[in-house]
Amino acid sequence: MSKQNKSIYSYWLAVPCLILYGLFFIIPAVVGLGLSFLNIRSFDFSQATFAGLRNYINVLSDSGMNIAIKNSFIFAAVTTVLKVILGMVLAVFLNNKMRTTNFLRTVFFLPAVLSSVAVGLIFTAMMHPTRGIINIALRAAGLDALAQNWLTDPHLAIFSVAFIEVWKWTGFTMVILLAGLQSIPKNYYE
């Protein structure tokens, strides 16, 4: 096969990908954007009325939505910063040759493999206000003042959930950064 035929062949392989991308991403995004300008009260779209920007004004002026947006930004900022910092620390530490390097890499990466449902159930049980193992351990150690309502206190819950997210995905970030560190030639370190 000539070089020109290979080039044409590779373009024809891109066509199905573009069709699927348009079918599953572009069209739903455009339809969703169009529907956001309508008032729809039921699944009968014939009764839909044009709302203009009213739906966006209602959402952005709702105090509950403002809190949700604020919490989303807090969660994203806290988890991103902590996952990158902790992942980099672990990657630099585990980039060295030690006897336990492979074992520690596995231990730190293991939470990323766990099911999110299982992690949620485990941490819900651990952070229960009265029967959770964290509060029981704090009370047993005489640190009653540190026992908290980890998942029900509005000011603390976002950080508790962020901690769980960081615990689960720091190992994954570590693996990605470790791969980058290992691809750097040794002569740059000298």
C-alpha atoms as a PDB file:
ATOM      1  CA  MET A   1       0.000   0.000   0.000  1.00  0.00           C
ATOM      2  CA  SER A   2       1.432   3.364  -0.973  1.00  0.00           C
ATOM      3  CA  LYS A   3       1.919   6.229   1.430  1.00  0.00           C
ATOM      4  CA  GLN A   4      -0.914   8.204  -0.181  1.00  0.00           C
ATOM      5  CA  ASN A   5      -3.351   5.269   0.178  1.00  0.00           C
ATOM      6  CA  LYS A   6      -2.434   4.910   3.865  1.00  0.00           C
ATOM      7  CA  SER A   7      -3.174   8.601   4.378  1.00  0.00           C
ATOM      8  CA  ILE A   8      -6.580   8.363   2.693  1.00  0.00           C
ATOM      9  CA  TYR A   9      -7.339   5.170   4.639  1.00  0.00           C
ATOM     10  CA  SER A  10      -6.621   6.898   7.970  1.00  0.00           C
ATOM     11  CA  TYR A  11      -9.000   9.741   7.086  1.00  0.00           C
ATOM     12  CA  TRP A  12     -11.758   7.229   6.322  1.00  0.00           C
ATOM     13  CA  LEU A  13     -11.209   5.672   9.755  1.00  0.00           C
ATOM     14  CA  ALA A  14     -11.854   9.054  11.354  1.00  0.00           C
ATOM     15  CA  VAL A  15     -15.309   9.352   9.725  1.00  0.00           C
ATOM     16  CA  PRO A  16     -17.070   6.804  12.004  1.00  0.00           C
ATOM     17  CA  CYS A  17     -15.499   8.456  15.050  1.00  0.00           C
ATOM     18  CA  LEU A  18     -16.772  11.864  13.980  1.00  0.00           C
ATOM     19  CA  ILE A  19     -20.255  10.458  13.307  1.00  0.00           C
ATOM     20  CA  LEU A  20     -20.389   8.827  16.748  1.00  0.00           C
ATOM     21  CA  TYR A  21     -19.034  11.971  18.423  1.00  0.00           C
ATOM     22  CA  GLY A  22     -21.719  14.050  16.756  1.00  0.00           C
ATOM     23  CA  LEU A  23     -24.428  11.502  17.530  1.00  0.00           C
ATOM     24  CA  PHE A  24     -23.604  11.047  21.212  1.00  0.00           C
ATOM     25  CA  PHE A  25     -22.123  14.433  22.213  1.00  0.00           C
ATOM     26  CA  ILE A  26     -22.852  17.290  19.803  1.00  0.00           C
ATOM     27  CA  ILE A  27     -26.524  16.576  19.055  1.00  0.00           C
ATOM     28  CA  PRO A  28     -27.505  15.982  22.730  1.00  0.00           C
ATOM     29  CA  ALA A  29     -25.656  19.151  23.766  1.00  0.00           C
ATOM     30  CA  VAL A  30     -27.441  21.264  21.140  1.00  0.00           C
ATOM     31  CA  VAL A  31     -30.852  19.715  21.974  1.00  0.00           C
ATOM     32  CA  GLY A  32     -30.236  20.265  25.697  1.00  0.00           C
ATOM     33  CA  LEU A  33     -29.302  23.888  25.079  1.00  0.00           C
ATOM     34  CA  GLY A  34     -32.461  24.372  23.021  1.00  0.00           C
ATOM     35  CA  LEU A  35     -34.643  22.752  25.698  1.00  0.00           C
ATOM     36  CA  SER A  36     -33.157  25.018  28.364  1.00  0.00           C
ATOM     37  CA  PHE A  37     -34.987  27.959  26.775  1.00  0.00           C
ATOM     38  CA  LEU A  38     -38.404  26.274  27.090  1.00  0.00           C
ATOM     39  CA  ASN A  39     -40.944  25.809  29.895  1.00  0.00           C
ATOM     40  CA  ILE A  40     -41.797  22.119  29.885  1.00  0.00           C
ATOM     41  CA  ARG A  41     -44.364  20.958  32.445  1.00  0.00           C
ATOM     42  CA  SER A  42     -44.736  17.326  31.319  1.00  0.00           C
ATOM     43  CA  PHE A  43     -43.391  14.866  28.771  1.00  0.00           C
ATOM     44  CA  ASP A  44     -45.809  16.292  26.233  1.00  0.00           C
ATOM     45  CA  PHE A  45     -43.510  18.681  24.340  1.00  0.00           C
ATOM     46  CA  SER A  46     -46.431  20.117  22.376  1.00  0.00           C
ATOM     47  CA  GLN A  47     -47.397  22.142  25.459  1.00  0.00           C
ATOM     48  CA  ALA A  48     -43.902  23.616  25.867  1.00  0.00           C
ATOM     49  CA  THR A  49     -43.694  27.403  25.841  1.00  0.00           C
ATOM     50  CA  PHE A  50     -40.731  29.638  25.121  1.00  0.00           C
ATOM     51  CA  ALA A  51     -39.174  30.961  28.350  1.00  0.00           C
ATOM     52  CA  GLY A  52     -36.175  32.843  26.998  1.00  0.00           C
ATOM     53  CA  LEU A  53     -33.594  33.524  29.693  1.00  0.00           C
ATOM     54  CA  ARG A  54     -36.157  33.167  32.515  1.00  0.00           C
ATOM     55  CA  ASN A  55     -34.977  29.605  33.365  1.00  0.00           C
ATOM     56  CA  TYR A  56     -31.391  30.826  33.723  1.00  0.00           C
ATOM     57  CA  ILE A  57     -32.467  33.821  35.824  1.00  0.00           C
ATOM     58  CA  ASN A  58     -34.518  31.549  38.102  1.00  0.00           C
ATOM     59  CA  VAL A  59     -31.639  29.129  38.588  1.00  0.00           C
ATOM     60  CA  LEU A  60     -29.023  31.813  39.237  1.00  0.00           C
ATOM     61  CA  SER A  61     -31.262  33.780  41.643  1.00  0.00           C
ATOM     62  CA  ASP A  62     -32.173  30.689  43.696  1.00  0.00           C
ATOM     63  CA  SER A  63     -30.246  30.763  46.994  1.00  0.00           C
ATOM     64  CA  GLY A  64     -30.043  26.976  47.114  1.00  0.00           C
ATOM     65  CA  MET A  65     -28.457  26.907  43.693  1.00  0.00           C
ATOM     66  CA  ASN A  66     -25.942  29.563  44.704  1.00  0.00           C
ATOM     67  CA  ILE A  67     -24.914  27.402  47.657  1.00  0.00           C
ATOM     68  CA  ALA A  68     -24.598  24.366  45.361  1.00  0.00           C
ATOM     69  CA  ILE A  69     -22.401  26.299  42.922  1.00  0.00           C
ATOM     70  CA  LYS A  70     -20.235  27.612  45.774  1.00  0.00           C
ATOM     71  CA  ASN A  71     -19.871  24.109  47.230  1.00  0.00           C
ATOM     72  CA  SER A  72     -18.971  22.708  43.824  1.00  0.00           C
ATOM     73  CA  PHE A  73     -16.154  25.236  43.441  1.00  0.00           C
ATOM     74  CA  ILE A  74     -14.920  24.609  47.012  1.00  0.00           C
ATOM     75  CA  PHE A  75     -14.980  20.845  46.441  1.00  0.00           C
ATOM     76  CA  ALA A  76     -13.188  21.120  43.092  1.00  0.00           C
ATOM     77  CA  ALA A  77     -10.511  23.489  44.428  1.00  0.00           C
ATOM     78  CA  VAL A  78      -9.792  21.547  47.635  1.00  0.00           C
ATOM     79  CA  THR A  79      -9.712  18.119  46.004  1.00  0.00           C
ATOM     80  CA  THR A  80      -7.674  19.190  42.981  1.00  0.00           C
ATOM     81  CA  VAL A  81      -5.020  20.969  45.016  1.00  0.00           C
ATOM     82  CA  LEU A  82      -4.710  18.203  47.601  1.00  0.00           C
ATOM     83  CA  LYS A  83      -4.693  15.355  45.070  1.00  0.00           C
ATOM     84  CA  VAL A  84      -1.945  17.010  43.032  1.00  0.00           C
ATOM     85  CA  ILE A  85       0.200  17.965  46.034  1.00  0.00           C
ATOM     86  CA  LEU A  86      -0.146  14.625  47.823  1.00  0.00           C
ATOM     87  CA  GLY A  87       0.173  12.695  44.570  1.00  0.00           C
ATOM     88  CA  MET A  88       3.399  14.541  43.743  1.00  0.00           C
ATOM     89  CA  VAL A  89       4.817  13.935  47.228  1.00  0.00           C
ATOM     90  CA  LEU A  90       4.042  10.218  46.958  1.00  0.00           C
ATOM     91  CA  ALA A  91       5.395  10.032  43.391  1.00  0.00           C
ATOM     92  CA  VAL A  92       8.696  11.677  44.349  1.00  0.00           C
ATOM     93  CA  PHE A  93       8.974   9.446  47.431  1.00  0.00           C
ATOM     94  CA  LEU A  94       8.195   6.248  45.494  1.00  0.00           C
ATOM     95  CA  ASN A  95      10.424   7.163  42.555  1.00  0.00           C
ATOM     96  CA  ASN A  96      13.379   6.046  44.675  1.00  0.00           C
ATOM     97  CA  LYS A  97      14.597   2.461  44.773  1.00  0.00           C
ATOM     98  CA  MET A  98      13.569   0.850  48.053  1.00  0.00           C
ATOM     99  CA  ARG A  99      12.686  -2.684  49.078  1.00  0.00           C
ATOM    100  CA  THR A 100       9.020  -1.810  49.621  1.00  0.00           C
ATOM    101  CA  THR A 101       8.520   0.487  46.621  1.00  0.00           C
ATOM    102  CA  ASN A 102       6.254  -1.860  44.647  1.00  0.00           C
ATOM    103  CA  PHE A 103       4.245  -2.775  47.737  1.00  0.00           C
ATOM    104  CA  LEU A 104       3.722   0.888  48.677  1.00  0.00           C
ATOM    105  CA  ARG A 105       2.735   1.800  45.110  1.00  0.00           C
ATOM    106  CA  THR A 106       0.079  -0.909  45.253  1.00  0.00           C
ATOM    107  CA  VAL A 107      -1.174   0.194  48.666  1.00  0.00           C
ATOM    108  CA  PHE A 108      -1.509   3.831  47.613  1.00  0.00           C
ATOM    109  CA  PHE A 109      -3.145   2.982  44.274  1.00  0.00           C
ATOM    110  CA  LEU A 110      -5.607   0.441  45.723  1.00  0.00           C
ATOM    111  CA  PRO A 111      -8.331   2.955  46.765  1.00  0.00           C
ATOM    112  CA  ALA A 112      -8.691   4.066  43.126  1.00  0.00           C
ATOM    113  CA  VAL A 113      -9.692   0.518  42.205  1.00  0.00           C
ATOM    114  CA  LEU A 114     -12.388   0.257  44.874  1.00  0.00           C
ATOM    115  CA  SER A 115     -16.024   0.777  43.951  1.00  0.00           C
ATOM    116  CA  SER A 116     -17.315   4.261  44.760  1.00  0.00           C
ATOM    117  CA  VAL A 117     -20.436   2.709  46.291  1.00  0.00           C
ATOM    118  CA  ALA A 118     -18.332   0.563  48.623  1.00  0.00           C
ATOM    119  CA  VAL A 119     -16.185   3.545  49.603  1.00  0.00           C
ATOM    120  CA  GLY A 120     -19.315   5.601  50.270  1.00  0.00           C
ATOM    121  CA  LEU A 121     -20.836   2.911  52.474  1.00  0.00           C
ATOM    122  CA  ILE A 122     -17.606   2.393  54.423  1.00  0.00           C
ATOM    123  CA  PHE A 123     -17.024   6.089  55.112  1.00  0.00           C
ATOM    124  CA  THR A 124     -20.709   6.674  55.922  1.00  0.00           C
ATOM    125  CA  ALA A 125     -20.408   3.997  58.595  1.00  0.00           C
ATOM    126  CA  MET A 126     -17.081   5.364  59.822  1.00  0.00           C
ATOM    127  CA  MET A 127     -18.334   8.968  60.037  1.00  0.00           C
ATOM    128  CA  HIS A 128     -21.711   8.258  61.646  1.00  0.00           C
ATOM    129  CA  PRO A 129     -22.322  10.867  64.391  1.00  0.00           C
ATOM    130  CA  THR A 130     -22.988   8.381  67.223  1.00  0.00           C
ATOM    131  CA  ARG A 131     -21.936   4.926  66.034  1.00  0.00           C
ATOM    132  CA  GLY A 132     -19.097   5.832  63.679  1.00  0.00           C
ATOM    133  CA  ILE A 133     -15.679   4.397  64.413  1.00  0.00           C
ATOM    134  CA  ILE A 134     -14.003   7.818  64.157  1.00  0.00           C
ATOM    135  CA  ASN A 135     -16.145   9.386  66.880  1.00  0.00           C
ATOM    136  CA  ILE A 136     -16.001   6.236  69.018  1.00  0.00           C
ATOM    137  CA  ALA A 137     -12.182   6.279  68.821  1.00  0.00           C
ATOM    138  CA  LEU A 138     -12.048   9.991  69.650  1.00  0.00           C
ATOM    139  CA  ARG A 139     -14.342   9.532  72.671  1.00  0.00           C
ATOM    140  CA  ALA A 140     -12.357   6.502  73.852  1.00  0.00           C
ATOM    141  CA  ALA A 141      -9.168   8.584  73.701  1.00  0.00           C
ATOM    142  CA  GLY A 142     -10.827  11.290  75.821  1.00  0.00           C
ATOM    143  CA  LEU A 143     -11.090  13.714  72.897  1.00  0.00           C
ATOM    144  CA  ASP A 144     -14.859  14.218  73.059  1.00  0.00           C
ATOM    145  CA  ALA A 145     -14.515  17.792  71.796  1.00  0.00           C
ATOM    146  CA  LEU A 146     -13.119  16.533  68.489  1.00  0.00           C
ATOM    147  CA  ALA A 147     -16.048  14.196  67.822  1.00  0.00           C
ATOM    148  CA  GLN A 148     -18.120  15.827  65.085  1.00  0.00           C
ATOM    149  CA  ASN A 149     -21.155  15.289  62.902  1.00  0.00           C
ATOM    150  CA  TRP A 150     -18.850  14.650  59.953  1.00  0.00           C
ATOM    151  CA  LEU A 151     -21.514  14.215  57.290  1.00  0.00           C
ATOM    152  CA  THR A 152     -24.457  16.164  58.713  1.00  0.00           C
ATOM    153  CA  ASP A 153     -22.860  19.445  59.796  1.00  0.00           C
ATOM    154  CA  PRO A 154     -23.391  21.870  56.849  1.00  0.00           C
ATOM    155  CA  HIS A 155     -20.001  23.533  57.417  1.00  0.00           C
ATOM    156  CA  LEU A 156     -18.052  20.293  57.797  1.00  0.00           C
ATOM    157  CA  ALA A 157     -19.742  17.895  55.362  1.00  0.00           C
ATOM    158  CA  ILE A 158     -18.172  19.365  52.211  1.00  0.00           C
ATOM    159  CA  PHE A 159     -14.688  18.899  53.654  1.00  0.00           C
ATOM    160  CA  SER A 160     -15.471  15.375  54.876  1.00  0.00           C
ATOM    161  CA  VAL A 161     -16.590  14.382  51.387  1.00  0.00           C
ATOM    162  CA  ALA A 162     -13.552  16.153  49.901  1.00  0.00           C
ATOM    163  CA  PHE A 163     -11.307  14.132  52.228  1.00  0.00           C
ATOM    164  CA  ILE A 164     -12.889  10.905  50.964  1.00  0.00           C
ATOM    165  CA  GLU A 165     -12.376  11.998  47.349  1.00  0.00           C
ATOM    166  CA  VAL A 166      -8.733  12.864  48.027  1.00  0.00           C
ATOM    167  CA  TRP A 167      -8.184   9.536  49.813  1.00  0.00           C
ATOM    168  CA  LYS A 168      -9.683   7.607  46.903  1.00  0.00           C
ATOM    169  CA  TRP A 169      -7.929   9.353  43.976  1.00  0.00           C
ATOM    170  CA  THR A 170      -4.527  10.503  45.296  1.00  0.00           C
ATOM    171  CA  GLY A 171      -3.003   7.145  44.379  1.00  0.00           C
ATOM    172  CA  PHE A 172      -4.248   7.487  40.807  1.00  0.00           C
ATOM    173  CA  THR A 173      -2.678  10.943  40.558  1.00  0.00           C
ATOM    174  CA  MET A 174       0.512   9.484  42.051  1.00  0.00           C
ATOM    175  CA  VAL A 175       0.680   6.828  39.312  1.00  0.00           C
ATOM    176  CA  ILE A 176       0.299   9.416  36.546  1.00  0.00           C
ATOM    177  CA  LEU A 177       2.944  11.715  38.055  1.00  0.00           C
ATOM    178  CA  LEU A 178       5.235   8.766  38.772  1.00  0.00           C
ATOM    179  CA  ALA A 179       5.061   7.721  35.123  1.00  0.00           C
ATOM    180  CA  GLY A 180       6.082  11.244  34.175  1.00  0.00           C
ATOM    181  CA  LEU A 181       8.964  11.250  36.657  1.00  0.00           C
ATOM    182  CA  GLN A 182      10.232   7.898  35.412  1.00  0.00           C
ATOM    183  CA  SER A 183      10.256   9.110  31.815  1.00  0.00           C
ATOM    184  CA  ILE A 184      12.773  11.852  32.681  1.00  0.00           C
ATOM    185  CA  PRO A 185      16.287  10.706  31.692  1.00  0.00           C
ATOM    186  CA  LYS A 186      18.701  10.164  34.607  1.00  0.00           C
ATOM    187  CA  ASN A 187      21.306  12.596  33.220  1.00  0.00           C
ATOM    188  CA  TYR A 188      18.964  15.542  33.958  1.00  0.00           C
ATOM    189  CA  TYR A 189      19.189  14.755  37.664  1.00  0.00           C
ATOM    190  CA  GLU A 190      22.979  15.000  37.524  1.00  0.00           C
END
